[in-house]
Amino acid sequence: MKQNTDAWTAIRIPRAFKDSIDLFLIEHPELGYRSVAQFLVDSGRRRLEELNAALSGAARGAVE
């Protein structure tokens, strides 16, 4: 199945960082990540959720 390339973009990251993720994924196949891209999308999504939750909590605390 071909992916819609219009829905994707490229980013540049340091090669050493990419290589360390590659090694981590090779050492931990039980995590189920198929690629560095999949890992980074998941990591970024989780981090955004954490930050949004923290900022929402901070905003509620300021109001209370």
PDB file of N, CA and C in Angstrom:
ATOM      1  N   MET A   1       0.841  -1.184   0.000  1.00  0.00           N
ATOM      2  CA  MET A   1       0.000   0.000   0.000  1.00  0.00           C
ATOM      3  C   MET A   1       0.881   1.240   0.000  1.00  0.00           C
ATOM      4  N   LYS A   2       0.684   2.114  -0.944  1.00  0.00           N
ATOM      5  CA  LYS A   2       1.490   3.326  -1.061  1.00  0.00           C
ATOM      6  C   LYS A   2       0.960   4.409  -0.135  1.00  0.00           C
ATOM      7  N   GLN A   3       1.890   5.048   0.593  1.00  0.00           N
ATOM      8  CA  GLN A   3       1.507   6.129   1.495  1.00  0.00           C
ATOM      9  C   GLN A   3       1.382   7.430   0.724  1.00  0.00           C
ATOM     10  N   ASN A   4       0.492   8.289   1.186  1.00  0.00           N
ATOM     11  CA  ASN A   4       0.326   9.608   0.603  1.00  0.00           C
ATOM     12  C   ASN A   4       1.513  10.472   1.011  1.00  0.00           C
ATOM     13  N   THR A   5       2.401  10.758   0.080  1.00  0.00           N
ATOM     14  CA  THR A   5       3.609  11.513   0.409  1.00  0.00           C
ATOM     15  C   THR A   5       3.317  12.965   0.741  1.00  0.00           C
ATOM     16  N   ASP A   6       2.150  13.483   0.354  1.00  0.00           N
ATOM     17  CA  ASP A   6       1.789  14.855   0.709  1.00  0.00           C
ATOM     18  C   ASP A   6       1.563  15.001   2.213  1.00  0.00           C
ATOM     19  N   ALA A   7       1.307  13.905   2.890  1.00  0.00           N
ATOM     20  CA  ALA A   7       1.042  13.952   4.326  1.00  0.00           C
ATOM     21  C   ALA A   7       2.327  13.871   5.150  1.00  0.00           C
ATOM     22  N   TRP A   8       3.464  13.738   4.510  1.00  0.00           N
ATOM     23  CA  TRP A   8       4.740  13.586   5.212  1.00  0.00           C
ATOM     24  C   TRP A   8       5.691  14.711   4.834  1.00  0.00           C
ATOM     25  N   THR A   9       6.627  14.990   5.736  1.00  0.00           N
ATOM     26  CA  THR A   9       7.682  15.963   5.477  1.00  0.00           C
ATOM     27  C   THR A   9       8.992  15.396   6.016  1.00  0.00           C
ATOM     28  N   ALA A  10      10.075  15.967   5.616  1.00  0.00           N
ATOM     29  CA  ALA A  10      11.387  15.517   6.093  1.00  0.00           C
ATOM     30  C   ALA A  10      11.915  16.507   7.121  1.00  0.00           C
ATOM     31  N   ILE A  11      12.622  15.983   8.101  1.00  0.00           N
ATOM     32  CA  ILE A  11      13.311  16.831   9.072  1.00  0.00           C
ATOM     33  C   ILE A  11      14.755  16.365   9.160  1.00  0.00           C
ATOM     34  N   ARG A  12      15.625  17.245   9.615  1.00  0.00           N
ATOM     35  CA  ARG A  12      17.034  16.895   9.774  1.00  0.00           C
ATOM     36  C   ARG A  12      17.331  16.772  11.251  1.00  0.00           C
ATOM     37  N   ILE A  13      17.986  15.675  11.608  1.00  0.00           N
ATOM     38  CA  ILE A  13      18.427  15.464  12.983  1.00  0.00           C
ATOM     39  C   ILE A  13      19.900  15.057  12.930  1.00  0.00           C
ATOM     40  N   PRO A  14      20.632  15.277  14.002  1.00  0.00           N
ATOM     41  CA  PRO A  14      22.036  14.862  14.000  1.00  0.00           C
ATOM     42  C   PRO A  14      22.169  13.355  13.748  1.00  0.00           C
ATOM     43  N   ARG A  15      23.128  12.997  12.912  1.00  0.00           N
ATOM     44  CA  ARG A  15      23.329  11.591  12.566  1.00  0.00           C
ATOM     45  C   ARG A  15      23.578  10.732  13.803  1.00  0.00           C
ATOM     46  N   ALA A  16      24.347  11.242  14.758  1.00  0.00           N
ATOM     47  CA  ALA A  16      24.642  10.467  15.964  1.00  0.00           C
ATOM     48  C   ALA A  16      23.360  10.159  16.739  1.00  0.00           C
ATOM     49  N   PHE A  17      22.425  11.103  16.766  1.00  0.00           N
ATOM     50  CA  PHE A  17      21.144  10.883  17.432  1.00  0.00           C
ATOM     51  C   PHE A  17      20.347   9.797  16.707  1.00  0.00           C
ATOM     52  N   LYS A  18      20.300   9.891  15.386  1.00  0.00           N
ATOM     53  CA  LYS A  18      19.599   8.887  14.569  1.00  0.00           C
ATOM     54  C   LYS A  18      20.228   7.517  14.767  1.00  0.00           C
ATOM     55  N   ASP A  19      21.552   7.474  14.777  1.00  0.00           N
ATOM     56  CA  ASP A  19      22.255   6.200  14.956  1.00  0.00           C
ATOM     57  C   ASP A  19      21.972   5.594  16.330  1.00  0.00           C
ATOM     58  N   SER A  20      21.880   6.443  17.363  1.00  0.00           N
ATOM     59  CA  SER A  20      21.597   5.920  18.697  1.00  0.00           C
ATOM     60  C   SER A  20      20.174   5.369  18.782  1.00  0.00           C
ATOM     61  N   ILE A  21      19.246   5.997  18.073  1.00  0.00           N
ATOM     62  CA  ILE A  21      17.877   5.471  18.031  1.00  0.00           C
ATOM     63  C   ILE A  21      17.851   4.149  17.276  1.00  0.00           C
ATOM     64  N   ASP A  22      18.553   4.091  16.143  1.00  0.00           N
ATOM     65  CA  ASP A  22      18.646   2.832  15.382  1.00  0.00           C
ATOM     66  C   ASP A  22      19.138   1.697  16.279  1.00  0.00           C
ATOM     67  N   LEU A  23      20.217   1.939  16.991  1.00  0.00           N
ATOM     68  CA  LEU A  23      20.799   0.921  17.861  1.00  0.00           C
ATOM     69  C   LEU A  23      19.808   0.512  18.948  1.00  0.00           C
ATOM     70  N   PHE A  24      19.159   1.493  19.556  1.00  0.00           N
ATOM     71  CA  PHE A  24      18.174   1.210  20.593  1.00  0.00           C
ATOM     72  C   PHE A  24      17.049   0.322  20.044  1.00  0.00           C
ATOM     73  N   LEU A  25      16.558   0.644  18.849  1.00  0.00           N
ATOM     74  CA  LEU A  25      15.460  -0.129  18.258  1.00  0.00           C
ATOM     75  C   LEU A  25      15.896  -1.544  17.893  1.00  0.00           C
ATOM     76  N   ILE A  26      17.132  -1.693  17.451  1.00  0.00           N
ATOM     77  CA  ILE A  26      17.670  -3.028  17.146  1.00  0.00           C
ATOM     78  C   ILE A  26      17.781  -3.850  18.426  1.00  0.00           C
ATOM     79  N   GLU A  27      18.221  -3.201  19.507  1.00  0.00           N
ATOM     80  CA  GLU A  27      18.391  -3.901  20.786  1.00  0.00           C
ATOM     81  C   GLU A  27      17.064  -4.202  21.484  1.00  0.00           C
ATOM     82  N   HIS A  28      16.005  -3.510  21.083  1.00  0.00           N
ATOM     83  CA  HIS A  28      14.708  -3.678  21.752  1.00  0.00           C
ATOM     84  C   HIS A  28      13.568  -3.889  20.750  1.00  0.00           C
ATOM     85  N   PRO A  29      13.621  -4.976  19.979  1.00  0.00           N
ATOM     86  CA  PRO A  29      12.554  -5.224  18.998  1.00  0.00           C
ATOM     87  C   PRO A  29      11.199  -5.470  19.659  1.00  0.00           C
ATOM     88  N   GLU A  30      11.221  -5.835  20.942  1.00  0.00           N
ATOM     89  CA  GLU A  30       9.968  -6.090  21.654  1.00  0.00           C
ATOM     90  C   GLU A  30       9.095  -4.837  21.757  1.00  0.00           C
ATOM     91  N   LEU A  31       9.677  -3.667  21.540  1.00  0.00           N
ATOM     92  CA  LEU A  31       8.908  -2.427  21.598  1.00  0.00           C
ATOM     93  C   LEU A  31       8.026  -2.237  20.369  1.00  0.00           C
ATOM     94  N   GLY A  32       8.350  -2.938  19.282  1.00  0.00           N
ATOM     95  CA  GLY A  32       7.485  -2.940  18.108  1.00  0.00           C
ATOM     96  C   GLY A  32       7.676  -1.804  17.120  1.00  0.00           C
ATOM     97  N   TYR A  33       8.666  -0.950  17.329  1.00  0.00           N
ATOM     98  CA  TYR A  33       8.897   0.131  16.370  1.00  0.00           C
ATOM     99  C   TYR A  33       9.543  -0.435  15.113  1.00  0.00           C
ATOM    100  N   ARG A  34       9.020  -0.055  13.951  1.00  0.00           N
ATOM    101  CA  ARG A  34       9.542  -0.551  12.676  1.00  0.00           C
ATOM    102  C   ARG A  34      10.565   0.385  12.049  1.00  0.00           C
ATOM    103  N   SER A  35      10.643   1.622  12.563  1.00  0.00           N
ATOM    104  CA  SER A  35      11.569   2.585  11.966  1.00  0.00           C
ATOM    105  C   SER A  35      11.850   3.719  12.956  1.00  0.00           C
ATOM    106  N   VAL A  36      12.911   4.451  12.657  1.00  0.00           N
ATOM    107  CA  VAL A  36      13.231   5.637  13.447  1.00  0.00           C
ATOM    108  C   VAL A  36      12.083   6.640  13.327  1.00  0.00           C
ATOM    109  N   ALA A  37      11.539   6.779  12.133  1.00  0.00           N
ATOM    110  CA  ALA A  37      10.425   7.713  11.931  1.00  0.00           C
ATOM    111  C   ALA A  37       9.243   7.352  12.825  1.00  0.00           C
ATOM    112  N   GLN A  38       8.893   6.082  12.877  1.00  0.00           N
ATOM    113  CA  GLN A  38       7.772   5.656  13.714  1.00  0.00           C
ATOM    114  C   GLN A  38       8.054   5.967  15.186  1.00  0.00           C
ATOM    115  N   PHE A  39       9.281   5.704  15.619  1.00  0.00           N
ATOM    116  CA  PHE A  39       9.675   5.992  16.999  1.00  0.00           C
ATOM    117  C   PHE A  39       9.567   7.482  17.300  1.00  0.00           C
ATOM    118  N   LEU A  40      10.070   8.331  16.392  1.00  0.00           N
ATOM    119  CA  LEU A  40      10.059   9.769  16.623  1.00  0.00           C
ATOM    120  C   LEU A  40       8.648  10.344  16.587  1.00  0.00           C
ATOM    121  N   VAL A  41       7.795   9.841  15.713  1.00  0.00           N
ATOM    122  CA  VAL A  41       6.407  10.297  15.686  1.00  0.00           C
ATOM    123  C   VAL A  41       5.735   9.962  17.014  1.00  0.00           C
ATOM    124  N   ASP A  42       5.926   8.742  17.503  1.00  0.00           N
ATOM    125  CA  ASP A  42       5.331   8.333  18.767  1.00  0.00           C
ATOM    126  C   ASP A  42       5.898   9.157  19.923  1.00  0.00           C
ATOM    127  N   SER A  43       7.217   9.339  19.940  1.00  0.00           N
ATOM    128  CA  SER A  43       7.863  10.117  21.009  1.00  0.00           C
ATOM    129  C   SER A  43       7.375  11.561  21.001  1.00  0.00           C
ATOM    130  N   GLY A  44       7.297  12.159  19.841  1.00  0.00           N
ATOM    131  CA  GLY A  44       6.835  13.538  19.726  1.00  0.00           C
ATOM    132  C   GLY A  44       5.388  13.692  20.160  1.00  0.00           C
ATOM    133  N   ARG A  45       4.548  12.756  19.771  1.00  0.00           N
ATOM    134  CA  ARG A  45       3.138  12.798  20.163  1.00  0.00           C
ATOM    135  C   ARG A  45       3.001  12.718  21.677  1.00  0.00           C
ATOM    136  N   ARG A  46       3.737  11.777  22.288  1.00  0.00           N
ATOM    137  CA  ARG A  46       3.675  11.625  23.750  1.00  0.00           C
ATOM    138  C   ARG A  46       4.168  12.887  24.462  1.00  0.00           C
ATOM    139  N   ARG A  47       5.232  13.472  23.961  1.00  0.00           N
ATOM    140  CA  ARG A  47       5.776  14.675  24.590  1.00  0.00           C
ATOM    141  C   ARG A  47       4.797  15.838  24.479  1.00  0.00           C
ATOM    142  N   LEU A  48       4.165  15.991  23.321  1.00  0.00           N
ATOM    143  CA  LEU A  48       3.165  17.046  23.165  1.00  0.00           C
ATOM    144  C   LEU A  48       2.005  16.852  24.140  1.00  0.00           C
ATOM    145  N   GLU A  49       1.576  15.602  24.312  1.00  0.00           N
ATOM    146  CA  GLU A  49       0.505  15.313  25.273  1.00  0.00           C
ATOM    147  C   GLU A  49       0.938  15.714  26.689  1.00  0.00           C
ATOM    148  N   GLU A  50       2.184  15.382  27.063  1.00  0.00           N
ATOM    149  CA  GLU A  50       2.698  15.746  28.391  1.00  0.00           C
ATOM    150  C   GLU A  50       2.723  17.262  28.588  1.00  0.00           C
ATOM    151  N   LEU A  51       3.243  17.969  27.592  1.00  0.00           N
ATOM    152  CA  LEU A  51       3.342  19.421  27.705  1.00  0.00           C
ATOM    153  C   LEU A  51       1.965  20.075  27.747  1.00  0.00           C
ATOM    154  N   ASN A  52       1.057  19.608  26.904  1.00  0.00           N
ATOM    155  CA  ASN A  52      -0.302  20.154  26.915  1.00  0.00           C
ATOM    156  C   ASN A  52      -0.974  19.912  28.258  1.00  0.00           C
ATOM    157  N   ALA A  53      -0.788  18.719  28.825  1.00  0.00           N
ATOM    158  CA  ALA A  53      -1.376  18.412  30.126  1.00  0.00           C
ATOM    159  C   ALA A  53      -0.758  19.293  31.208  1.00  0.00           C
ATOM    160  N   ALA A  54       0.542  19.468  31.165  1.00  0.00           N
ATOM    161  CA  ALA A  54       1.226  20.295  32.164  1.00  0.00           C
ATOM    162  C   ALA A  54       0.786  21.753  32.053  1.00  0.00           C
ATOM    163  N   LEU A  55       0.700  22.246  30.830  1.00  0.00           N
ATOM    164  CA  LEU A  55       0.295  23.642  30.647  1.00  0.00           C
ATOM    165  C   LEU A  55      -1.173  23.843  31.010  1.00  0.00           C
ATOM    166  N   SER A  56      -2.004  22.867  30.729  1.00  0.00           N
ATOM    167  CA  SER A  56      -3.420  22.957  31.112  1.00  0.00           C
ATOM    168  C   SER A  56      -3.539  22.962  32.623  1.00  0.00           C
ATOM    169  N   GLY A  57      -2.760  22.114  33.287  1.00  0.00           N
ATOM    170  CA  GLY A  57      -2.767  22.076  34.744  1.00  0.00           C
ATOM    171  C   GLY A  57      -2.269  23.371  35.342  1.00  0.00           C
ATOM    172  N   ALA A  58      -1.236  23.956  34.735  1.00  0.00           N
ATOM    173  CA  ALA A  58      -0.686  25.214  35.231  1.00  0.00           C
ATOM    174  C   ALA A  58      -1.712  26.340  35.058  1.00  0.00           C
ATOM    175  N   ALA A  59      -2.423  26.315  33.945  1.00  0.00           N
ATOM    176  CA  ALA A  59      -3.440  27.343  33.699  1.00  0.00           C
ATOM    177  C   ALA A  59      -4.583  27.198  34.705  1.00  0.00           C
ATOM    178  N   ARG A  60      -4.985  25.972  34.997  1.00  0.00           N
ATOM    179  CA  ARG A  60      -6.043  25.747  35.990  1.00  0.00           C
ATOM    180  C   ARG A  60      -5.573  26.202  37.369  1.00  0.00           C
ATOM    181  N   GLY A  61      -4.310  25.917  37.705  1.00  0.00           N
ATOM    182  CA  GLY A  61      -3.769  26.308  39.011  1.00  0.00           C
ATOM    183  C   GLY A  61      -3.716  27.816  39.179  1.00  0.00           C
ATOM    184  N   ALA A  62      -3.460  28.526  38.093  1.00  0.00           N
ATOM    185  CA  ALA A  62      -3.378  29.974  38.163  1.00  0.00           C
ATOM    186  C   ALA A  62      -4.765  30.579  38.373  1.00  0.00           C
ATOM    187  N   VAL A  63      -5.797  29.914  37.864  1.00  0.00           N
ATOM    188  CA  VAL A  63      -7.154  30.415  37.970  1.00  0.00           C
ATOM    189  C   VAL A  63      -7.725  30.117  39.342  1.00  0.00           C
ATOM    190  N   GLU A  64      -7.373  28.982  39.904  1.00  0.00           N
ATOM    191  CA  GLU A  64      -7.930  28.562  41.184  1.00  0.00           C
ATOM    192  C   GLU A  64      -7.414  29.359  42.342  1.00  0.00           C
TER     193      GLU A  64
END
